[in-house]
Amino acid sequence: MKVTQSKTGRVFPGRGAVSGSRRRVLRGVAGALFVVGLVASSVEADEKLEQARGEGRAPVIDGLRDAAMHNAIREAMRNAAETVGREAVARTVVEDYGLISKWLDPGLAGYVERVEVVSEAVVGGEAHIAIDAWVNAASIRRDALAAWKAVPKPRTLVVVVMRDDEWRLANEAERAVAEYLEYKGMKVIEAWPARQSLEREEVQALGRGDARLAAMLGRGTGADVVLVATAHVGEAESFRNILYASHARLRLQAVDSDNGHVLAQVSVTERGIEGMAERAPIKALVSAAKQGVRQGFVPFLRAWSEATGGRAVARVVLSGVADEQDAERIGTSLASLEGVSAANLYRFDVTVATLKVRYEGTPQVLAERIETHEFPGVELKVDAVEGSQIRASLR
């Protein structure tokens, strides 16, 4: 990183004064900031850099003005890099900087390659500095995509509720929502079997926003989150004599399968225009489904991440379990493993128990810890690791 052109006529930090017509350069190596010389600089040539203004403050302690300026410029660099970072991330599949900020924030200043000091002063025992920074946006985008792969994401079930005679339309809407989620790198559970298992009254209850029922459906299918969309589509009407128009209203609700809490809810209305009357309602509904999941995605993922503490979720499927009490004892022991914050009984069926485990690390590391852990009265053998699911049996 280099810092150029002091409009205050000072070399920072503490190497004497220079004429305001000369430029000063600071380079950062491994996050350090130090003076290496005075050079002329051209910042327009490198297209990967984006410019942003940054400001920083730091207290002057024990009269050490230069140290305070050092800290202030580091803060200004981070602020400028975050400004560029938010715009850069918005142009990626991640879209929202907040979803990956904890991975990028600690090293933000390292993305700054050039800095021009606009002003610097000490006011009331505090160093103030303003800079124009040239930030490597390409590197931020690359690292944001890498961080996005590491972000825990919930297994999601999508159910669209419509009238009985509109099930084909419901399938179209579910497909549109699922495609968006899969594009985001999420695991989507097929909706059709889950919807078929519901009684007509239960489907109607889902449509009325019954979060408790949605959570039960999620637990039964292994979903962490259930997206329930209630949609209403209007009849196609003639438009300009040669086209047909229809409107679709859709309410999308994201429900946490663990507790039935509503994580996010959005409502949208979209219009569809087609040359064929039967296609207009489909276009309106698909458009509403896409718009609804786009608007609801970041709020529901943020809420789910906060609820889980940003930890990954694994399902440990145990065979040979005597009863629910036995499964709960094993879960209590699992919760004591290094990196595990919770291990709760999710489902029990005859002799097979499914535990939902929140943990840090990878499924492979968790499986190794399970196999080497001494459980009270039992010994577990890990049979397979399939994505975020670990299959094990009691020896």
Protein backbone atom coordinates (compact mmCIF):
# COMPACT_ATOMS: atom_id res chain seq x y z
CA MET A 1 0.00 0.00 0.00
CA LYS A 2 1.25 3.49 -0.67
CA VAL A 3 0.09 6.86 0.52
CA THR A 4 0.57 9.83 -1.79
CA GLN A 5 0.27 13.61 -1.85
CA SER A 6 0.13 15.30 1.52
CA LYS A 7 -2.00 18.39 1.18
CA THR A 8 -0.83 19.36 4.67
CA GLY A 9 2.84 19.42 3.64
CA ARG A 10 3.85 16.72 6.16
CA VAL A 11 5.52 13.39 5.74
CA PHE A 12 3.63 10.81 7.85
CA PRO A 13 4.63 9.55 10.29
CA GLY A 14 7.32 11.91 11.61
CA ARG A 15 9.95 12.09 8.87
CA GLY A 16 10.03 15.88 8.56
CA ALA A 17 8.21 18.23 6.21
CA VAL A 18 8.11 18.47 2.45
CA SER A 19 6.70 20.92 -0.02
CA GLY A 20 3.02 20.53 -0.78
CA SER A 21 3.95 20.13 -4.45
CA ARG A 22 5.76 16.88 -3.76
CA ARG A 23 4.11 13.50 -3.08
CA ARG A 24 4.75 11.22 -0.12
CA VAL A 25 4.53 7.45 -0.23
CA LEU A 26 3.75 4.91 2.50
CA ARG A 27 3.81 1.22 1.76
CA GLY A 28 2.13 -1.49 3.82
CA VAL A 29 3.71 -4.91 4.18
CA ALA A 30 1.75 -7.52 6.19
CA GLY A 31 -0.49 -4.76 7.44
CA ALA A 32 2.40 -2.53 8.67
CA LEU A 33 2.60 1.13 7.70
CA PHE A 34 5.95 2.84 7.16
CA VAL A 35 7.61 5.48 5.02
CA VAL A 36 9.77 4.32 2.11
CA GLY A 37 10.23 7.44 0.02
CA LEU A 38 8.86 10.29 -2.03
CA VAL A 39 7.62 9.41 -5.52
CA ALA A 40 5.23 10.63 -8.13
CA SER A 41 2.16 8.42 -8.50
CA SER A 42 -0.51 7.76 -11.09
CA VAL A 43 -3.57 5.96 -9.76
CA GLU A 44 -5.70 5.93 -12.88
CA ALA A 45 -3.82 3.14 -14.66
CA ASP A 46 -4.91 0.16 -12.58
CA GLU A 47 -8.49 -0.80 -13.38
CA LYS A 48 -8.79 -3.28 -10.50
CA LEU A 49 -8.60 -0.41 -7.99
CA GLU A 50 -11.62 1.58 -6.89
CA GLN A 51 -11.47 4.90 -5.08
CA ALA A 52 -13.26 5.77 -1.83
CA ARG A 53 -13.01 8.42 0.87
CA GLY A 54 -12.17 7.22 4.39
CA GLU A 55 -11.92 8.99 7.73
CA GLY A 56 -10.30 7.86 10.94
CA ARG A 57 -9.80 9.00 14.51
CA ALA A 58 -7.55 7.86 17.35
CA PRO A 59 -6.69 9.27 20.78
CA VAL A 60 -3.27 10.83 21.37
CA ILE A 61 -1.83 8.91 24.34
CA ASP A 62 1.17 10.21 26.31
CA GLY A 63 1.71 12.88 23.68
CA LEU A 64 2.54 10.35 20.95
CA ARG A 65 0.99 12.20 18.04
CA ASP A 66 2.57 10.10 15.30
CA ALA A 67 1.34 6.85 16.87
CA ALA A 68 -2.15 8.31 17.03
CA MET A 69 -1.96 9.32 13.36
CA HIS A 70 -0.80 5.80 12.53
CA ASN A 71 -3.91 4.33 14.22
CA ALA A 72 -6.18 6.95 12.66
CA ILE A 73 -4.97 6.22 9.14
CA ARG A 74 -5.44 2.49 9.68
CA GLU A 75 -9.05 3.14 10.69
CA ALA A 76 -9.54 5.39 7.68
CA MET A 77 -8.17 2.67 5.41
CA ARG A 78 -10.56 0.10 6.88
CA ASN A 79 -13.51 2.46 6.44
CA ALA A 80 -12.61 3.18 2.83
CA ALA A 81 -12.10 -0.52 2.10
CA GLU A 82 -15.48 -1.35 3.64
CA THR A 83 -17.17 1.22 1.40
CA VAL A 84 -15.64 -0.40 -1.68
CA GLY A 85 -16.21 -3.87 -0.25
CA ARG A 86 -19.94 -3.37 0.20
CA GLU A 87 -20.30 -2.32 -3.43
CA ALA A 88 -18.01 -5.10 -4.67
CA VAL A 89 -19.83 -7.82 -2.73
CA ALA A 90 -23.20 -6.52 -3.92
CA ARG A 91 -22.11 -7.47 -7.46
CA THR A 92 -21.46 -11.11 -6.50
CA VAL A 93 -23.69 -14.06 -5.63
CA VAL A 94 -23.27 -13.07 -1.96
CA GLU A 95 -25.03 -9.71 -2.51
CA ASP A 96 -25.00 -8.67 1.15
CA TYR A 97 -21.69 -7.67 2.75
CA GLY A 98 -23.02 -8.34 6.25
CA LEU A 99 -23.29 -12.07 5.53
CA ILE A 100 -19.52 -12.45 5.17
CA SER A 101 -18.24 -9.38 7.05
CA LYS A 102 -16.71 -11.34 9.94
CA TRP A 103 -14.41 -13.11 7.47
CA LEU A 104 -13.31 -9.89 5.74
CA ASP A 105 -13.38 -7.19 8.44
CA PRO A 106 -10.15 -8.15 10.29
CA GLY A 107 -7.99 -7.63 7.19
CA LEU A 108 -9.82 -4.83 5.39
CA ALA A 109 -6.90 -2.39 5.51
CA GLY A 110 -4.81 -4.91 3.58
CA TYR A 111 -6.95 -4.36 0.47
CA VAL A 112 -5.85 -0.70 0.26
CA GLU A 113 -3.02 -0.23 -2.22
CA ARG A 114 -2.78 3.56 -2.48
CA VAL A 115 -3.80 6.38 -0.20
CA GLU A 116 -3.84 10.13 -0.69
CA VAL A 117 -4.02 12.12 2.53
CA VAL A 118 -6.65 14.84 2.23
CA SER A 119 -6.37 16.35 5.70
CA GLU A 120 -4.92 15.58 9.10
CA ALA A 121 -5.16 17.37 12.44
CA VAL A 122 -5.16 16.89 16.19
CA VAL A 123 -8.34 18.17 17.82
CA GLY A 124 -9.01 17.93 21.53
CA GLY A 125 -6.39 15.25 22.12
CA GLU A 126 -7.58 13.16 19.18
CA ALA A 127 -5.92 12.59 15.82
CA HIS A 128 -8.22 13.09 12.81
CA ILE A 129 -7.36 12.10 9.27
CA ALA A 130 -9.22 11.99 5.96
CA ILE A 131 -7.92 10.02 2.98
CA ASP A 132 -8.75 9.07 -0.56
CA ALA A 133 -7.99 5.34 -0.86
CA TRP A 134 -7.59 3.11 -3.90
CA VAL A 135 -8.86 -0.31 -2.93
CA ASN A 136 -8.34 -3.66 -4.66
CA ALA A 137 -11.99 -4.50 -5.30
CA ALA A 138 -11.11 -7.58 -7.34
CA SER A 139 -9.37 -9.15 -4.34
CA ILE A 140 -12.34 -8.35 -2.11
CA ARG A 141 -14.72 -10.03 -4.55
CA ARG A 142 -12.47 -13.11 -4.75
CA ASP A 143 -12.17 -13.41 -0.98
CA ALA A 144 -15.88 -12.75 -0.49
CA LEU A 145 -16.75 -15.69 -2.75
CA ALA A 146 -14.32 -17.92 -0.86
CA ALA A 147 -15.82 -16.80 2.46
CA TRP A 148 -19.34 -17.42 1.16
CA LYS A 149 -18.53 -21.09 0.68
CA ALA A 150 -17.65 -21.32 4.37
CA VAL A 151 -20.82 -19.59 5.58
CA PRO A 152 -23.18 -22.14 7.21
CA LYS A 153 -26.42 -22.34 5.24
CA PRO A 154 -29.66 -24.03 6.29
CA ARG A 155 -31.18 -27.01 4.52
CA THR A 156 -34.40 -25.51 3.21
CA LEU A 157 -37.82 -26.86 2.32
CA VAL A 158 -39.95 -24.74 -0.01
CA VAL A 159 -43.74 -25.17 0.00
CA VAL A 160 -46.11 -23.03 -2.07
CA VAL A 161 -49.76 -23.16 -1.02
CA MET A 162 -52.48 -22.45 -3.58
CA ARG A 163 -55.96 -23.73 -4.41
CA ASP A 164 -56.31 -27.45 -5.07
CA ASP A 165 -56.80 -26.89 -8.80
CA GLU A 166 -53.65 -24.77 -9.04
CA TRP A 167 -51.08 -27.36 -8.01
CA ARG A 168 -49.29 -27.08 -11.36
CA LEU A 169 -48.82 -23.37 -10.73
CA ALA A 170 -47.53 -24.16 -7.25
CA ASN A 171 -44.91 -26.45 -8.76
CA GLU A 172 -43.73 -23.64 -11.04
CA ALA A 173 -43.38 -21.25 -8.10
CA GLU A 174 -41.54 -23.81 -5.95
CA ARG A 175 -39.13 -24.47 -8.79
CA ALA A 176 -38.41 -20.74 -9.18
CA VAL A 177 -37.67 -20.33 -5.45
CA ALA A 178 -35.56 -23.51 -5.32
CA GLU A 179 -33.47 -22.44 -8.31
CA TYR A 180 -32.63 -19.14 -6.64
CA LEU A 181 -31.62 -20.84 -3.38
CA GLU A 182 -29.50 -23.42 -5.20
CA TYR A 183 -27.80 -20.60 -7.11
CA LYS A 184 -26.90 -19.23 -3.67
CA GLY A 185 -25.27 -22.55 -2.77
CA MET A 186 -28.02 -23.84 -0.50
CA LYS A 187 -29.38 -27.38 -0.16
CA VAL A 188 -33.07 -27.48 -1.10
CA ILE A 189 -35.27 -30.38 -0.06
CA GLU A 190 -37.79 -31.57 -2.64
CA ALA A 191 -41.20 -30.16 -1.78
CA TRP A 192 -43.57 -32.55 -3.52
CA PRO A 193 -43.30 -35.52 -1.08
CA ALA A 194 -43.72 -33.19 1.89
CA ARG A 195 -46.75 -31.49 0.41
CA GLN A 196 -48.32 -34.86 -0.48
CA SER A 197 -48.03 -35.99 3.16
CA LEU A 198 -50.30 -33.18 4.36
CA GLU A 199 -54.03 -33.39 4.84
CA ARG A 200 -56.13 -30.77 3.08
CA GLU A 201 -56.83 -29.01 6.40
CA GLU A 202 -53.10 -28.90 7.15
CA VAL A 203 -52.35 -27.34 3.78
CA GLN A 204 -54.96 -24.68 4.50
CA ALA A 205 -53.42 -24.10 7.95
CA LEU A 206 -50.00 -23.60 6.32
CA GLY A 207 -51.58 -21.08 3.99
CA ARG A 208 -52.91 -19.17 7.00
CA GLY A 209 -49.39 -18.92 8.41
CA ASP A 210 -49.34 -21.77 10.93
CA ALA A 211 -45.63 -21.61 11.89
CA ARG A 212 -45.91 -24.52 14.33
CA LEU A 213 -47.12 -26.83 11.54
CA ALA A 214 -44.40 -25.53 9.20
CA ALA A 215 -41.76 -26.34 11.84
CA MET A 216 -43.14 -29.88 12.25
CA LEU A 217 -43.00 -30.33 8.49
CA GLY A 218 -39.41 -29.13 8.50
CA ARG A 219 -38.34 -31.52 11.24
CA GLY A 220 -40.03 -34.40 9.45
CA THR A 221 -38.08 -33.73 6.25
CA GLY A 222 -34.73 -32.79 7.82
CA ALA A 223 -35.02 -29.11 6.90
CA ASP A 224 -33.52 -26.38 9.07
CA VAL A 225 -35.80 -23.74 7.58
CA VAL A 226 -39.18 -23.97 5.85
CA LEU A 227 -40.15 -21.33 3.30
CA VAL A 228 -43.93 -21.28 3.05
CA ALA A 229 -45.38 -19.16 0.26
CA THR A 230 -49.09 -18.44 0.00
CA ALA A 231 -50.01 -17.28 -3.49
CA HIS A 232 -53.11 -15.94 -5.21
CA VAL A 233 -53.23 -15.48 -8.98
CA GLY A 234 -55.77 -13.42 -10.88
CA GLU A 235 -57.48 -14.46 -14.11
CA ALA A 236 -55.82 -13.38 -17.33
CA GLU A 237 -57.39 -10.28 -18.85
CA SER A 238 -57.09 -8.95 -22.37
CA PHE A 239 -54.42 -6.28 -22.66
CA ARG A 240 -54.15 -4.06 -25.75
CA ASN A 241 -56.28 -6.61 -27.61
CA ILE A 242 -53.27 -8.80 -28.46
CA LEU A 243 -51.81 -9.58 -25.03
CA TYR A 244 -53.03 -10.98 -21.71
CA ALA A 245 -52.14 -9.71 -18.24
CA SER A 246 -52.44 -11.30 -14.82
CA HIS A 247 -51.47 -10.31 -11.27
CA ALA A 248 -50.01 -12.55 -8.56
CA ARG A 249 -49.87 -11.81 -4.83
CA LEU A 250 -47.44 -13.85 -2.76
CA ARG A 251 -46.56 -13.91 0.93
CA LEU A 252 -43.35 -15.70 1.83
CA GLN A 253 -42.67 -16.78 5.41
CA ALA A 254 -39.40 -18.33 6.64
CA VAL A 255 -39.85 -20.57 9.69
CA ASP A 256 -37.13 -22.06 11.91
CA SER A 257 -37.79 -25.82 12.11
CA ASP A 258 -36.28 -26.02 15.59
CA ASN A 259 -38.75 -23.77 17.35
CA GLY A 260 -41.35 -22.48 14.90
CA HIS A 261 -40.04 -18.92 15.08
CA VAL A 262 -40.75 -16.79 12.02
CA LEU A 263 -37.36 -15.63 10.77
CA ALA A 264 -38.61 -13.30 8.04
CA GLN A 265 -41.75 -12.49 6.10
CA VAL A 266 -42.26 -10.56 2.86
CA SER A 267 -45.24 -9.82 0.61
CA VAL A 268 -45.00 -8.97 -3.08
CA THR A 269 -47.33 -8.34 -6.01
CA GLU A 270 -46.16 -8.88 -9.58
CA ARG A 271 -47.70 -8.60 -13.03
CA GLY A 272 -47.29 -11.02 -15.91
CA ILE A 273 -47.98 -10.18 -19.56
CA GLU A 274 -48.01 -12.86 -22.24
CA GLY A 275 -49.37 -13.48 -25.71
CA MET A 276 -51.32 -16.53 -24.48
CA ALA A 277 -54.00 -16.27 -21.79
CA GLU A 278 -52.92 -19.47 -20.02
CA ARG A 279 -49.30 -18.29 -19.75
CA ALA A 280 -49.97 -14.90 -18.14
CA PRO A 281 -50.84 -16.27 -14.63
CA ILE A 282 -47.74 -18.50 -14.69
CA LYS A 283 -45.50 -15.58 -15.61
CA ALA A 284 -47.01 -13.40 -12.88
CA LEU A 285 -46.64 -16.11 -10.24
CA VAL A 286 -43.06 -17.03 -11.15
CA SER A 287 -42.14 -13.36 -11.15
CA ALA A 288 -43.70 -12.95 -7.69
CA ALA A 289 -41.89 -16.06 -6.40
CA LYS A 290 -38.52 -14.79 -7.65
CA GLN A 291 -39.09 -11.32 -6.24
CA GLY A 292 -40.28 -12.71 -2.90
CA VAL A 293 -37.27 -14.97 -2.36
CA ARG A 294 -34.87 -12.19 -3.43
CA GLN A 295 -36.37 -9.81 -0.88
CA GLY A 296 -36.61 -12.39 1.88
CA PHE A 297 -33.29 -14.20 1.41
CA VAL A 298 -30.92 -11.89 3.28
CA PRO A 299 -33.30 -11.20 6.22
CA PHE A 300 -34.05 -14.88 6.80
CA LEU A 301 -30.43 -16.01 6.44
CA ARG A 302 -29.27 -13.26 8.81
CA ALA A 303 -31.93 -14.23 11.35
CA TRP A 304 -31.07 -17.92 11.06
CA SER A 305 -27.34 -17.20 11.42
CA GLU A 306 -28.00 -15.14 14.55
CA ALA A 307 -30.18 -17.91 15.99
CA THR A 308 -27.47 -20.53 15.39
CA GLY A 309 -24.56 -18.30 16.39
CA GLY A 310 -23.15 -18.62 12.87
CA ARG A 311 -22.26 -22.25 13.47
CA ALA A 312 -22.67 -25.12 11.04
CA VAL A 313 -25.44 -27.65 11.58
CA ALA A 314 -24.95 -31.40 11.16
CA ARG A 315 -27.41 -34.24 11.52
CA VAL A 316 -26.06 -37.23 13.36
CA VAL A 317 -28.23 -40.25 12.52
CA LEU A 318 -27.75 -42.99 15.12
CA SER A 319 -28.98 -46.56 14.62
CA GLY A 320 -29.42 -49.09 17.39
CA VAL A 321 -30.69 -46.61 19.99
CA ALA A 322 -32.86 -48.16 22.71
CA ASP A 323 -35.25 -45.26 23.33
CA GLU A 324 -35.57 -41.48 23.34
CA GLN A 325 -33.98 -41.20 26.78
CA ASP A 326 -30.95 -43.08 25.51
CA ALA A 327 -30.74 -40.73 22.52
CA GLU A 328 -30.95 -37.67 24.78
CA ARG A 329 -28.13 -38.98 26.96
CA ILE A 330 -25.96 -39.41 23.89
CA GLY A 331 -26.91 -35.89 22.79
CA THR A 332 -25.85 -34.47 26.15
CA SER A 333 -22.48 -36.19 25.78
CA LEU A 334 -22.13 -34.95 22.19
CA ALA A 335 -22.68 -31.39 23.38
CA SER A 336 -19.52 -31.69 25.49
CA LEU A 337 -17.30 -32.28 22.44
CA GLU A 338 -14.77 -29.62 21.48
CA GLY A 339 -16.34 -27.09 19.10
CA VAL A 340 -19.92 -28.29 19.69
CA SER A 341 -22.36 -25.74 21.11
CA ALA A 342 -25.54 -27.85 21.10
CA ALA A 343 -26.75 -31.37 20.31
CA ASN A 344 -30.51 -31.87 20.48
CA LEU A 345 -32.77 -34.79 19.65
CA TYR A 346 -34.45 -33.93 16.38
CA ARG A 347 -36.40 -37.08 15.59
CA PHE A 348 -36.75 -40.63 16.94
CA ASP A 349 -38.14 -43.53 14.93
CA VAL A 350 -38.10 -47.04 16.48
CA THR A 351 -34.33 -47.52 16.99
CA VAL A 352 -33.03 -44.64 14.85
CA ALA A 353 -32.40 -41.24 16.44
CA THR A 354 -31.51 -38.05 14.58
CA LEU A 355 -29.60 -35.43 16.53
CA LYS A 356 -29.10 -31.88 15.31
CA VAL A 357 -25.60 -30.74 16.23
CA ARG A 358 -24.30 -27.17 16.02
CA TYR A 359 -20.54 -27.06 15.74
CA GLU A 360 -17.45 -25.34 14.41
CA GLY A 361 -15.24 -26.99 11.82
CA THR A 362 -15.99 -29.56 9.14
CA PRO A 363 -18.28 -32.63 9.21
CA GLN A 364 -15.20 -34.84 8.86
CA VAL A 365 -13.58 -33.35 11.98
CA LEU A 366 -16.85 -33.70 13.89
CA ALA A 367 -17.13 -37.35 12.81
CA GLU A 368 -13.59 -38.04 14.02
CA ARG A 369 -14.35 -36.48 17.39
CA ILE A 370 -17.51 -38.55 17.71
CA GLU A 371 -15.70 -41.81 16.96
CA THR A 372 -12.89 -41.12 19.44
CA HIS A 373 -15.12 -39.79 22.21
CA GLU A 374 -15.97 -41.96 25.20
CA PHE A 375 -19.76 -41.94 25.56
CA PRO A 376 -21.30 -43.14 28.85
CA GLY A 377 -22.10 -46.85 28.52
CA VAL A 378 -21.96 -46.93 24.71
CA GLU A 379 -19.47 -46.81 21.88
CA LEU A 380 -20.29 -45.17 18.57
CA LYS A 381 -18.96 -46.20 15.19
CA VAL A 382 -19.18 -43.67 12.36
CA ASP A 383 -20.41 -45.46 9.25
CA ALA A 384 -20.50 -42.62 6.73
CA VAL A 385 -20.23 -38.86 6.28
CA GLU A 386 -22.59 -37.60 3.59
CA GLY A 387 -22.37 -33.83 3.23
CA SER A 388 -23.58 -32.40 6.55
CA GLN A 389 -25.07 -35.73 7.66
CA ILE A 390 -23.12 -38.23 9.78
CA ARG A 391 -24.39 -41.79 10.03
CA ALA A 392 -23.29 -43.76 13.09
CA SER A 393 -24.29 -46.91 14.93
CA LEU A 394 -24.00 -48.12 18.48
CA ARG A 395 -21.43 -50.88 18.86
